[in-house]
PDB file of N, CA and C in Angstrom:
ATOM      1  N   UNK A   1     109.652  36.158  78.810  1.00  0.00           N
ATOM      2  CA  UNK A   1     108.020  36.310  78.243  1.00  0.00           C
ATOM      3  C   UNK A   1     106.911  36.283  79.792  1.00  0.00           C
ATOM      4  N   UNK A   2     107.948  35.066  80.154  1.00  0.00           N
ATOM      5  CA  UNK A   2     107.208  34.684  81.972  1.00  0.00           C
ATOM      6  C   UNK A   2     106.761  36.522  82.275  1.00  0.00           C
ATOM      7  N   UNK A   3     107.879  36.782  83.062  1.00  0.00           N
ATOM      8  CA  UNK A   3     108.278  38.563  83.919  1.00  0.00           C
ATOM      9  C   UNK A   3     107.393  39.194  83.025  1.00  0.00           C
ATOM     10  N   UNK A   4     107.126  39.644  81.496  1.00  0.00           N
ATOM     11  CA  UNK A   4     106.056  40.500  81.062  1.00  0.00           C
ATOM     12  C   UNK A   4     104.767  40.203  81.224  1.00  0.00           C
ATOM     13  N   UNK A   5     104.732  39.134  81.312  1.00  0.00           N
ATOM     14  CA  UNK A   5     103.313  38.583  81.369  1.00  0.00           C
ATOM     15  C   UNK A   5     102.577  39.053  82.541  1.00  0.00           C
ATOM     16  N   UNK A   6     103.690  38.253  83.610  1.00  0.00           N
ATOM     17  CA  UNK A   6     103.483  39.363  85.396  1.00  0.00           C
ATOM     18  C   UNK A   6     103.268  40.370  84.982  1.00  0.00           C
ATOM     19  N   UNK A   7     104.342  41.156  84.805  1.00  0.00           N
ATOM     20  CA  UNK A   7     104.141  42.752  84.747  1.00  0.00           C
ATOM     21  C   UNK A   7     102.194  42.951  84.117  1.00  0.00           C
ATOM     22  N   UNK A   8     102.686  42.264  83.063  1.00  0.00           N
ATOM     23  CA  UNK A   8     101.115  42.404  82.088  1.00  0.00           C
ATOM     24  C   UNK A   8      99.844  42.631  82.762  1.00  0.00           C
ATOM     25  N   UNK A   9      99.992  41.149  83.867  1.00  0.00           N
ATOM     26  CA  UNK A   9      98.309  41.229  84.771  1.00  0.00           C
ATOM     27  C   UNK A   9      98.879  41.921  85.850  1.00  0.00           C
ATOM     28  N   UNK A  10      99.905  42.746  86.399  1.00  0.00           N
ATOM     29  CA  UNK A  10      99.806  43.264  87.257  1.00  0.00           C
ATOM     30  C   UNK A  10      99.306  45.083  86.332  1.00  0.00           C
ATOM     31  N   UNK A  11      99.201  45.336  85.429  1.00  0.00           N
ATOM     32  CA  UNK A  11      98.873  46.432  84.683  1.00  0.00           C
ATOM     33  C   UNK A  11      97.687  46.176  84.084  1.00  0.00           C
ATOM     34  N   UNK A  12      97.469  45.011  84.259  1.00  0.00           N
ATOM     35  CA  UNK A  12      95.992  44.790  83.588  1.00  0.00           C
ATOM     36  C   UNK A  12      94.941  44.820  84.914  1.00  0.00           C
ATOM     37  N   UNK A  13      95.263  45.047  86.233  1.00  0.00           N
ATOM     38  CA  UNK A  13      94.395  44.713  87.244  1.00  0.00           C
ATOM     39  C   UNK A  13      93.547  45.947  87.101  1.00  0.00           C
ATOM     40  N   UNK A  14      94.273  47.248  87.297  1.00  0.00           N
ATOM     41  CA  UNK A  14      93.688  48.431  87.060  1.00  0.00           C
ATOM     42  C   UNK A  14      92.658  48.769  85.914  1.00  0.00           C
ATOM     43  N   UNK A  15      93.016  48.239  84.857  1.00  0.00           N
ATOM     44  CA  UNK A  15      92.290  48.516  83.551  1.00  0.00           C
ATOM     45  C   UNK A  15      90.764  47.421  83.568  1.00  0.00           C
ATOM     46  N   UNK A  16      91.018  45.881  84.157  1.00  0.00           N
ATOM     47  CA  UNK A  16      89.980  45.434  84.349  1.00  0.00           C
ATOM     48  C   UNK A  16      88.964  45.853  85.292  1.00  0.00           C
ATOM     49  N   UNK A  17      89.796  46.184  86.592  1.00  0.00           N
ATOM     50  CA  UNK A  17      88.701  47.103  87.721  1.00  0.00           C
ATOM     51  C   UNK A  17      88.409  48.320  86.783  1.00  0.00           C
ATOM     52  N   UNK A  18      88.200  49.303  86.045  1.00  0.00           N
ATOM     53  CA  UNK A  18      88.010  50.132  85.937  1.00  0.00           C
ATOM     54  C   UNK A  18      86.889  49.588  84.484  1.00  0.00           C
ATOM     55  N   UNK A  19      87.459  48.701  83.346  1.00  0.00           N
ATOM     56  CA  UNK A  19      86.206  48.197  82.704  1.00  0.00           C
ATOM     57  C   UNK A  19      85.400  47.599  83.136  1.00  0.00           C
ATOM     58  N   UNK A  20      85.412  46.557  84.105  1.00  0.00           N
ATOM     59  CA  UNK A  20      84.511  45.821  85.333  1.00  0.00           C
ATOM     60  C   UNK A  20      83.410  46.759  85.899  1.00  0.00           C
ATOM     61  N   UNK A  21      83.887  47.468  85.899  1.00  0.00           N
ATOM     62  CA  UNK A  21      83.376  48.754  87.535  1.00  0.00           C
ATOM     63  C   UNK A  21      82.146  49.449  86.030  1.00  0.00           C
ATOM     64  N   UNK A  22      82.732  49.815  85.487  1.00  0.00           N
ATOM     65  CA  UNK A  22      81.629  50.732  83.988  1.00  0.00           C
ATOM     66  C   UNK A  22      80.522  49.774  83.706  1.00  0.00           C
ATOM     67  N   UNK A  23      81.347  48.421  83.257  1.00  0.00           N
ATOM     68  CA  UNK A  23      80.752  47.515  82.616  1.00  0.00           C
ATOM     69  C   UNK A  23      79.281  47.214  83.609  1.00  0.00           C
ATOM     70  N   UNK A  24      79.828  46.747  84.908  1.00  0.00           N
ATOM     71  CA  UNK A  24      78.397  46.639  85.754  1.00  0.00           C
ATOM     72  C   UNK A  24      77.491  47.312  85.751  1.00  0.00           C
ATOM     73  N   UNK A  25      78.179  48.351  86.382  1.00  0.00           N
ATOM     74  CA  UNK A  25      77.105  49.891  86.899  1.00  0.00           C
ATOM     75  C   UNK A  25      76.262  49.733  85.248  1.00  0.00           C
ATOM     76  N   UNK A  26      76.871  49.781  84.122  1.00  0.00           N
ATOM     77  CA  UNK A  26      76.363  49.771  82.343  1.00  0.00           C
ATOM     78  C   UNK A  26      75.043  48.402  82.434  1.00  0.00           C
ATOM     79  N   UNK A  27      75.491  47.789  82.742  1.00  0.00           N
ATOM     80  CA  UNK A  27      74.653  46.506  82.313  1.00  0.00           C
ATOM     81  C   UNK A  27      73.334  46.434  82.969  1.00  0.00           C
ATOM     82  N   UNK A  28      73.210  47.023  84.130  1.00  0.00           N
ATOM     83  CA  UNK A  28      72.041  46.683  84.481  1.00  0.00           C
ATOM     84  C   UNK A  28      70.925  48.172  84.413  1.00  0.00           C
ATOM     85  N   UNK A  29      71.859  48.689  83.168  1.00  0.00           N
ATOM     86  CA  UNK A  29      70.684  49.978  82.553  1.00  0.00           C
ATOM     87  C   UNK A  29      70.615  49.755  81.378  1.00  0.00           C
ATOM     88  N   UNK A  30      71.713  48.851  80.593  1.00  0.00           N
ATOM     89  CA  UNK A  30      71.390  48.991  79.300  1.00  0.00           C
ATOM     90  C   UNK A  30      71.684  47.487  79.088  1.00  0.00           C
ATOM     91  N   UNK A  31      71.776  47.226  77.536  1.00  0.00           N
ATOM     92  CA  UNK A  31      72.345  45.928  77.327  1.00  0.00           C
ATOM     93  C   UNK A  31      73.403  45.845  77.756  1.00  0.00           C
ATOM     94  N   UNK A  32      73.964  44.483  78.162  1.00  0.00           N
ATOM     95  CA  UNK A  32      75.241  44.331  77.801  1.00  0.00           C
ATOM     96  C   UNK A  32      76.172  44.636  77.432  1.00  0.00           C
ATOM     97  N   UNK A  33      75.453  44.092  75.855  1.00  0.00           N
ATOM     98  CA  UNK A  33      76.810  44.527  74.657  1.00  0.00           C
ATOM     99  C   UNK A  33      77.020  46.132  74.707  1.00  0.00           C
ATOM    100  N   UNK A  34      76.195  46.926  74.892  1.00  0.00           N
ATOM    101  CA  UNK A  34      76.033  48.182  74.887  1.00  0.00           C
ATOM    102  C   UNK A  34      77.167  48.521  75.859  1.00  0.00           C
ATOM    103  N   UNK A  35      77.059  48.114  77.113  1.00  0.00           N
ATOM    104  CA  UNK A  35      77.916  48.366  78.466  1.00  0.00           C
ATOM    105  C   UNK A  35      79.605  48.622  77.902  1.00  0.00           C
ATOM    106  N   UNK A  36      79.792  47.131  77.219  1.00  0.00           N
ATOM    107  CA  UNK A  36      80.431  46.576  77.243  1.00  0.00           C
ATOM    108  C   UNK A  36      81.225  47.681  76.120  1.00  0.00           C
ATOM    109  N   UNK A  37      80.562  48.401  74.837  1.00  0.00           N
ATOM    110  CA  UNK A  37      80.971  49.247  74.114  1.00  0.00           C
ATOM    111  C   UNK A  37      81.117  50.782  74.639  1.00  0.00           C
ATOM    112  N   UNK A  38      80.799  50.848  76.228  1.00  0.00           N
ATOM    113  CA  UNK A  38      81.206  52.040  76.504  1.00  0.00           C
ATOM    114  C   UNK A  38      82.341  51.845  77.279  1.00  0.00           C
ATOM    115  N   UNK A  39      82.604  50.672  77.966  1.00  0.00           N
ATOM    116  CA  UNK A  39      83.677  50.178  78.916  1.00  0.00           C
ATOM    117  C   UNK A  39      84.816  50.555  78.053  1.00  0.00           C
ATOM    118  N   UNK A  40      84.810  49.834  76.320  1.00  0.00           N
ATOM    119  CA  UNK A  40      86.008  50.143  75.690  1.00  0.00           C
ATOM    120  C   UNK A  40      86.793  50.762  75.492  1.00  0.00           C
ATOM    121  N   UNK A  41      86.271  52.236  75.364  1.00  0.00           N
ATOM    122  CA  UNK A  41      87.893  52.564  75.331  1.00  0.00           C
ATOM    123  C   UNK A  41      88.093  53.897  76.167  1.00  0.00           C
ATOM    124  N   UNK A  42      87.690  53.247  77.500  1.00  0.00           N
ATOM    125  CA  UNK A  42      88.355  53.863  78.717  1.00  0.00           C
ATOM    126  C   UNK A  42      89.272  52.794  79.025  1.00  0.00           C
ATOM    127  N   UNK A  43      89.004  51.652  79.151  1.00  0.00           N
ATOM    128  CA  UNK A  43      89.793  50.387  79.180  1.00  0.00           C
ATOM    129  C   UNK A  43      91.111  50.457  78.250  1.00  0.00           C
ATOM    130  N   UNK A  44      90.971  50.633  77.134  1.00  0.00           N
ATOM    131  CA  UNK A  44      91.870  50.703  76.086  1.00  0.00           C
ATOM    132  C   UNK A  44      92.618  51.788  76.295  1.00  0.00           C
ATOM    133  N   UNK A  45      92.486  53.272  76.717  1.00  0.00           N
ATOM    134  CA  UNK A  45      93.536  54.332  76.811  1.00  0.00           C
ATOM    135  C   UNK A  45      93.919  53.883  78.213  1.00  0.00           C
ATOM    136  N   UNK A  46      93.498  53.404  79.160  1.00  0.00           N
ATOM    137  CA  UNK A  46      93.993  52.918  80.434  1.00  0.00           C
ATOM    138  C   UNK A  46      95.424  52.053  80.252  1.00  0.00           C
ATOM    139  N   UNK A  47      94.811  50.768  79.169  1.00  0.00           N
ATOM    140  CA  UNK A  47      95.414  49.513  79.282  1.00  0.00           C
ATOM    141  C   UNK A  47      97.002  50.125  78.512  1.00  0.00           C
ATOM    142  N   UNK A  48      96.739  50.758  77.612  1.00  0.00           N
ATOM    143  CA  UNK A  48      98.323  51.043  76.259  1.00  0.00           C
ATOM    144  C   UNK A  48      98.957  52.149  77.269  1.00  0.00           C
ATOM    145  N   UNK A  49      98.469  53.045  78.381  1.00  0.00           N
ATOM    146  CA  UNK A  49      99.409  53.761  79.001  1.00  0.00           C
ATOM    147  C   UNK A  49     100.131  53.117  79.876  1.00  0.00           C
ATOM    148  N   UNK A  50      99.467  51.633  80.847  1.00  0.00           N
ATOM    149  CA  UNK A  50     100.006  51.106  81.288  1.00  0.00           C
ATOM    150  C   UNK A  50     100.538  50.164  80.922  1.00  0.00           C
ATOM    151  N   UNK A  51     100.374  49.754  80.090  1.00  0.00           N
ATOM    152  CA  UNK A  51     101.582  48.628  79.138  1.00  0.00           C
ATOM    153  C   UNK A  51     102.429  49.683  78.842  1.00  0.00           C
ATOM    154  N   UNK A  52     102.488  50.656  78.189  1.00  0.00           N
ATOM    155  CA  UNK A  52     103.963  51.584  77.593  1.00  0.00           C
ATOM    156  C   UNK A  52     104.985  52.019  78.738  1.00  0.00           C
ATOM    157  N   UNK A  53     104.166  51.815  79.470  1.00  0.00           N
ATOM    158  CA  UNK A  53     104.961  52.657  80.555  1.00  0.00           C
ATOM    159  C   UNK A  53     106.113  51.280  81.513  1.00  0.00           C
ATOM    160  N   UNK A  54     105.180  50.516  81.748  1.00  0.00           N
ATOM    161  CA  UNK A  54     105.294  49.723  82.695  1.00  0.00           C
ATOM    162  C   UNK A  54     105.860  48.096  82.347  1.00  0.00           C
ATOM    163  N   UNK A  55     104.873  47.385  81.035  1.00  0.00           N
ATOM    164  CA  UNK A  55     105.187  46.102  80.832  1.00  0.00           C
ATOM    165  C   UNK A  55     106.445  46.534  80.129  1.00  0.00           C
ATOM    166  N   UNK A  56     106.055  46.685  78.405  1.00  0.00           N
ATOM    167  CA  UNK A  56     106.926  46.345  77.528  1.00  0.00           C
ATOM    168  C   UNK A  56     107.724  47.916  77.230  1.00  0.00           C
ATOM    169  N   UNK A  57     108.391  48.190  78.202  1.00  0.00           N
ATOM    170  CA  UNK A  57     109.176  49.215  78.337  1.00  0.00           C
ATOM    171  C   UNK A  57     110.486  49.428  77.379  1.00  0.00           C
ATOM    172  N   UNK A  58     111.088  48.425  76.831  1.00  0.00           N
ATOM    173  CA  UNK A  58     112.344  47.917  76.180  1.00  0.00           C
ATOM    174  C   UNK A  58     111.990  48.154  74.741  1.00  0.00           C
ATOM    175  N   UNK A  59     110.866  48.318  74.456  1.00  0.00           N
ATOM    176  CA  UNK A  59     110.341  48.382  73.011  1.00  0.00           C
ATOM    177  C   UNK A  59     109.283  49.328  73.167  1.00  0.00           C
ATOM    178  N   UNK A  60     109.031  50.251  71.412  1.00  0.00           N
ATOM    179  CA  UNK A  60     107.957  51.188  71.467  1.00  0.00           C
ATOM    180  C   UNK A  60     107.196  50.303  70.434  1.00  0.00           C
ATOM    181  N   UNK A  61     105.918  50.319  71.241  1.00  0.00           N
ATOM    182  CA  UNK A  61     104.725  49.947  70.236  1.00  0.00           C
ATOM    183  C   UNK A  61     103.947  50.801  69.790  1.00  0.00           C
ATOM    184  N   UNK A  62     103.134  50.392  68.521  1.00  0.00           N
ATOM    185  CA  UNK A  62     102.426  51.487  68.085  1.00  0.00           C
ATOM    186  C   UNK A  62     100.764  51.274  68.574  1.00  0.00           C
ATOM    187  N   UNK A  63     100.311  52.716  68.860  1.00  0.00           N
ATOM    188  CA  UNK A  63      99.294  52.710  69.228  1.00  0.00           C
ATOM    189  C   UNK A  63      98.116  52.330  68.335  1.00  0.00           C
ATOM    190  N   UNK A  64      98.459  52.275  67.388  1.00  0.00           N
ATOM    191  CA  UNK A  64      97.799  51.935  66.482  1.00  0.00           C
ATOM    192  C   UNK A  64      97.563  50.365  66.326  1.00  0.00           C
ATOM    193  N   UNK A  65      98.308  49.249  66.280  1.00  0.00           N
ATOM    194  CA  UNK A  65      98.461  47.898  66.171  1.00  0.00           C
ATOM    195  C   UNK A  65      97.802  47.844  67.939  1.00  0.00           C
ATOM    196  N   UNK A  66      97.979  48.523  68.976  1.00  0.00           N
ATOM    197  CA  UNK A  66      97.352  48.108  69.855  1.00  0.00           C
ATOM    198  C   UNK A  66      95.855  48.110  70.008  1.00  0.00           C
ATOM    199  N   UNK A  67      95.441  49.052  69.502  1.00  0.00           N
ATOM    200  CA  UNK A  67      93.938  49.431  69.363  1.00  0.00           C
ATOM    201  C   UNK A  67      93.273  48.811  68.487  1.00  0.00           C
ATOM    202  N   UNK A  68      94.102  48.260  67.229  1.00  0.00           N
ATOM    203  CA  UNK A  68      93.454  46.890  66.474  1.00  0.00           C
ATOM    204  C   UNK A  68      93.709  45.269  67.717  1.00  0.00           C
ATOM    205  N   UNK A  69      94.341  45.396  67.893  1.00  0.00           N
ATOM    206  CA  UNK A  69      94.202  43.968  68.873  1.00  0.00           C
ATOM    207  C   UNK A  69      93.514  44.535  70.203  1.00  0.00           C
ATOM    208  N   UNK A  70      92.906  45.758  70.810  1.00  0.00           N
ATOM    209  CA  UNK A  70      91.979  46.006  71.570  1.00  0.00           C
ATOM    210  C   UNK A  70      90.751  45.637  70.988  1.00  0.00           C
ATOM    211  N   UNK A  71      91.092  45.951  69.479  1.00  0.00           N
ATOM    212  CA  UNK A  71      89.492  46.116  68.748  1.00  0.00           C
ATOM    213  C   UNK A  71      88.942  44.780  69.124  1.00  0.00           C
ATOM    214  N   UNK A  72      89.875  43.516  68.251  1.00  0.00           N
ATOM    215  CA  UNK A  72      89.613  42.435  68.016  1.00  0.00           C
ATOM    216  C   UNK A  72      89.376  41.927  69.216  1.00  0.00           C
ATOM    217  N   UNK A  73      89.730  42.487  69.967  1.00  0.00           N
ATOM    218  CA  UNK A  73      89.386  41.745  71.995  1.00  0.00           C
ATOM    219  C   UNK A  73      88.223  41.826  71.830  1.00  0.00           C
ATOM    220  N   UNK A  74      87.793  43.569  72.210  1.00  0.00           N
ATOM    221  CA  UNK A  74      86.623  43.567  71.694  1.00  0.00           C
ATOM    222  C   UNK A  74      85.325  43.333  70.931  1.00  0.00           C
ATOM    223  N   UNK A  75      85.688  42.583  70.505  1.00  0.00           N
ATOM    224  CA  UNK A  75      85.202  41.920  69.015  1.00  0.00           C
ATOM    225  C   UNK A  75      84.598  40.660  69.884  1.00  0.00           C
ATOM    226  N   UNK A  76      85.914  40.062  70.351  1.00  0.00           N
ATOM    227  CA  UNK A  76      86.043  38.718  70.882  1.00  0.00           C
ATOM    228  C   UNK A  76      84.897  38.706  72.484  1.00  0.00           C
ATOM    229  N   UNK A  77      85.205  40.160  73.177  1.00  0.00           N
ATOM    230  CA  UNK A  77      84.280  39.944  74.187  1.00  0.00           C
ATOM    231  C   UNK A  77      83.008  40.083  73.925  1.00  0.00           C
ATOM    232  N   UNK A  78      82.470  40.873  73.273  1.00  0.00           N
ATOM    233  CA  UNK A  78      81.178  41.042  73.078  1.00  0.00           C
ATOM    234  C   UNK A  78      80.256  39.683  72.543  1.00  0.00           C
ATOM    235  N   UNK A  79      81.066  39.030  71.514  1.00  0.00           N
ATOM    236  CA  UNK A  79      81.052  37.724  71.226  1.00  0.00           C
ATOM    237  C   UNK A  79      80.648  36.664  72.475  1.00  0.00           C
ATOM    238  N   UNK A  80      81.717  36.771  73.256  1.00  0.00           N
ATOM    239  CA  UNK A  80      81.697  36.152  74.404  1.00  0.00           C
ATOM    240  C   UNK A  80      80.449  36.671  75.497  1.00  0.00           C
ATOM    241  N   UNK A  81      79.905  37.618  75.192  1.00  0.00           N
ATOM    242  CA  UNK A  81      78.643  38.368  76.412  1.00  0.00           C
ATOM    243  C   UNK A  81      77.985  38.078  75.936  1.00  0.00           C
ATOM    244  N   UNK A  82      77.588  37.833  74.372  1.00  0.00           N
ATOM    245  CA  UNK A  82      76.505  37.632  74.099  1.00  0.00           C
ATOM    246  C   UNK A  82      76.516  36.211  73.952  1.00  0.00           C
ATOM    247  N   UNK A  83      77.205  35.318  73.802  1.00  0.00           N
ATOM    248  CA  UNK A  83      77.176  33.598  74.006  1.00  0.00           C
ATOM    249  C   UNK A  83      76.408  33.504  75.028  1.00  0.00           C
ATOM    250  N   UNK A  84      77.528  33.840  76.784  1.00  0.00           N
ATOM    251  CA  UNK A  84      76.866  33.684  77.582  1.00  0.00           C
ATOM    252  C   UNK A  84      75.763  34.370  78.498  1.00  0.00           C
ATOM    253  N   UNK A  85      75.490  35.761  77.720  1.00  0.00           N
ATOM    254  CA  UNK A  85      73.960  36.119  78.463  1.00  0.00           C
ATOM    255  C   UNK A  85      73.021  35.818  77.977  1.00  0.00           C
ATOM    256  N   UNK A  86      73.001  35.321  76.367  1.00  0.00           N
ATOM    257  CA  UNK A  86      71.979  34.677  75.652  1.00  0.00           C
ATOM    258  C   UNK A  86      71.320  33.537  75.501  1.00  0.00           C
ATOM    259  N   UNK A  87      72.896  32.967  75.487  1.00  0.00           N
ATOM    260  CA  UNK A  87      72.711  31.404  75.217  1.00  0.00           C
ATOM    261  C   UNK A  87      73.118  30.108  76.303  1.00  0.00           C
ATOM    262  N   UNK A  88      74.047  30.806  77.060  1.00  0.00           N
ATOM    263  CA  UNK A  88      74.611  29.742  77.948  1.00  0.00           C
ATOM    264  C   UNK A  88      74.030  29.481  79.814  1.00  0.00           C
ATOM    265  N   UNK A  89      74.452  30.565  80.266  1.00  0.00           N
ATOM    266  CA  UNK A  89      74.401  31.379  81.380  1.00  0.00           C
ATOM    267  C   UNK A  89      73.547  32.446  82.002  1.00  0.00           C
ATOM    268  N   UNK A  90      73.048  32.982  80.775  1.00  0.00           N
ATOM    269  CA  UNK A  90      72.192  34.023  81.135  1.00  0.00           C
ATOM    270  C   UNK A  90      72.421  35.095  82.526  1.00  0.00           C
ATOM    271  N   UNK A  91      73.677  35.419  82.848  1.00  0.00           N
ATOM    272  CA  UNK A  91      74.081  36.034  84.011  1.00  0.00           C
ATOM    273  C   UNK A  91      75.156  37.056  83.695  1.00  0.00           C
ATOM    274  N   UNK A  92      74.726  38.472  83.506  1.00  0.00           N
ATOM    275  CA  UNK A  92      75.802  39.436  83.036  1.00  0.00           C
ATOM    276  C   UNK A  92      76.917  39.687  83.602  1.00  0.00           C
ATOM    277  N   UNK A  93      76.842  39.421  85.329  1.00  0.00           N
ATOM    278  CA  UNK A  93      78.255  39.081  86.315  1.00  0.00           C
ATOM    279  C   UNK A  93      78.910  38.041  85.854  1.00  0.00           C
ATOM    280  N   UNK A  94      78.379  37.016  86.126  1.00  0.00           N
ATOM    281  CA  UNK A  94      79.066  35.731  85.728  1.00  0.00           C
ATOM    282  C   UNK A  94      80.132  36.207  84.537  1.00  0.00           C
ATOM    283  N   UNK A  95      79.011  36.518  83.172  1.00  0.00           N
ATOM    284  CA  UNK A  95      79.672  36.614  81.717  1.00  0.00           C
ATOM    285  C   UNK A  95      80.899  37.624  81.814  1.00  0.00           C
ATOM    286  N   UNK A  96      80.253  38.757  82.580  1.00  0.00           N
ATOM    287  CA  UNK A  96      81.742  40.063  82.655  1.00  0.00           C
ATOM    288  C   UNK A  96      83.238  39.108  83.211  1.00  0.00           C
ATOM    289  N   UNK A  97      82.612  38.578  84.091  1.00  0.00           N
ATOM    290  CA  UNK A  97      84.102  37.731  85.172  1.00  0.00           C
ATOM    291  C   UNK A  97      85.004  36.819  83.984  1.00  0.00           C
ATOM    292  N   UNK A  98      83.648  36.246  83.347  1.00  0.00           N
ATOM    293  CA  UNK A  98      84.434  35.038  82.486  1.00  0.00           C
ATOM    294  C   UNK A  98      85.168  36.068  81.193  1.00  0.00           C
ATOM    295  N   UNK A  99      85.084  37.010  80.943  1.00  0.00           N
ATOM    296  CA  UNK A  99      85.679  37.775  79.807  1.00  0.00           C
ATOM    297  C   UNK A  99      86.889  38.066  80.155  1.00  0.00           C
ATOM    298  N   UNK A 100      86.176  38.954  81.781  1.00  0.00           N
ATOM    299  CA  UNK A 100      87.868  39.860  82.071  1.00  0.00           C
ATOM    300  C   UNK A 100      88.794  38.697  82.174  1.00  0.00           C
ATOM    301  N   UNK A 101      88.711  37.370  82.281  1.00  0.00           N
ATOM    302  CA  UNK A 101      89.660  36.479  82.288  1.00  0.00           C
ATOM    303  C   UNK A 101      90.101  35.670  81.155  1.00  0.00           C
ATOM    304  N   UNK A 102      89.849  36.225  79.656  1.00  0.00           N
ATOM    305  CA  UNK A 102      89.424  35.554  78.920  1.00  0.00           C
ATOM    306  C   UNK A 102      90.685  36.780  77.690  1.00  0.00           C
ATOM    307  N   UNK A 103      90.314  37.678  77.343  1.00  0.00           N
ATOM    308  CA  UNK A 103      90.422  38.518  76.515  1.00  0.00           C
ATOM    309  C   UNK A 103      92.040  38.926  76.960  1.00  0.00           C
ATOM    310  N   UNK A 104      92.630  38.866  78.131  1.00  0.00           N
ATOM    311  CA  UNK A 104      93.735  39.850  78.707  1.00  0.00           C
ATOM    312  C   UNK A 104      94.439  39.106  78.190  1.00  0.00           C
ATOM    313  N   UNK A 105      94.582  37.473  78.079  1.00  0.00           N
ATOM    314  CA  UNK A 105      95.490  36.731  77.526  1.00  0.00           C
ATOM    315  C   UNK A 105      95.502  36.703  76.243  1.00  0.00           C
ATOM    316  N   UNK A 106      94.389  36.940  75.301  1.00  0.00           N
ATOM    317  CA  UNK A 106      94.203  37.110  74.011  1.00  0.00           C
ATOM    318  C   UNK A 106      95.483  38.669  73.808  1.00  0.00           C
ATOM    319  N   UNK A 107      94.914  39.647  74.483  1.00  0.00           N
ATOM    320  CA  UNK A 107      95.499  41.142  74.093  1.00  0.00           C
ATOM    321  C   UNK A 107      96.985  40.428  74.208  1.00  0.00           C
ATOM    322  N   UNK A 108      97.811  39.964  75.621  1.00  0.00           N
ATOM    323  CA  UNK A 108      98.791  39.931  75.757  1.00  0.00           C
ATOM    324  C   UNK A 108      99.726  39.308  74.764  1.00  0.00           C
ATOM    325  N   UNK A 109      99.183  38.237  74.255  1.00  0.00           N
ATOM    326  CA  UNK A 109      99.774  37.166  73.384  1.00  0.00           C
ATOM    327  C   UNK A 109      99.933  38.188  71.868  1.00  0.00           C
ATOM    328  N   UNK A 110      98.935  38.602  71.493  1.00  0.00           N
ATOM    329  CA  UNK A 110      98.850  39.716  70.306  1.00  0.00           C
ATOM    330  C   UNK A 110      99.568  40.320  70.147  1.00  0.00           C
ATOM    331  N   UNK A 111     100.237  41.537  71.407  1.00  0.00           N
ATOM    332  CA  UNK A 111     101.240  42.503  71.549  1.00  0.00           C
ATOM    333  C   UNK A 111     102.447  42.124  71.999  1.00  0.00           C
ATOM    334  N   UNK A 112     102.354  41.051  72.842  1.00  0.00           N
ATOM    335  CA  UNK A 112     103.818  40.160  72.630  1.00  0.00           C
ATOM    336  C   UNK A 112     104.314  40.062  70.951  1.00  0.00           C
ATOM    337  N   UNK A 113     103.400  39.202  70.498  1.00  0.00           N
ATOM    338  CA  UNK A 113     104.176  38.704  69.517  1.00  0.00           C
ATOM    339  C   UNK A 113     104.568  40.048  68.322  1.00  0.00           C
ATOM    340  N   UNK A 114     102.970  40.839  68.135  1.00  0.00           N
ATOM    341  CA  UNK A 114     102.494  41.555  66.908  1.00  0.00           C
ATOM    342  C   UNK A 114     103.741  43.063  67.250  1.00  0.00           C
ATOM    343  N   UNK A 115     103.008  43.571  68.311  1.00  0.00           N
ATOM    344  CA  UNK A 115     103.274  45.493  68.564  1.00  0.00           C
ATOM    345  C   UNK A 115     104.599  45.651  69.327  1.00  0.00           C
ATOM    346  N   UNK A 116     104.847  45.042  70.810  1.00  0.00           N
ATOM    347  CA  UNK A 116     105.926  45.376  71.623  1.00  0.00           C
ATOM    348  C   UNK A 116     106.726  44.435  70.981  1.00  0.00           C
ATOM    349  N   UNK A 117     107.684  43.891  70.145  1.00  0.00           N
ATOM    350  CA  UNK A 117     108.561  43.599  69.484  1.00  0.00           C
ATOM    351  C   UNK A 117     109.972  44.082  70.388  1.00  0.00           C
TER     352      UNK A 117
END
């Protein structure tokens, strides 16, 4: 599991950069939660491709399950963005940085246990 997680982190780097770039750009133009919704489908597509090709190569995962896991991550993402931007720190950049750290751990564990077995 340790090697897969390291590969997951490496594959997640471009995904996070793409997501965070879209999020930061849009969070200054629209509500941070809407910026998250726009950035989500792009990051899911990139993430599924990289995880299928680079991380979980020994087993084939379902895109449907991958999407559902990513969607649960989006829900958690939106909840954390709301909590941090509206209730706690009220800074969309810091909130985005926290979420980009927490959500990948959530997504890896669920994909490792439920999808790419």
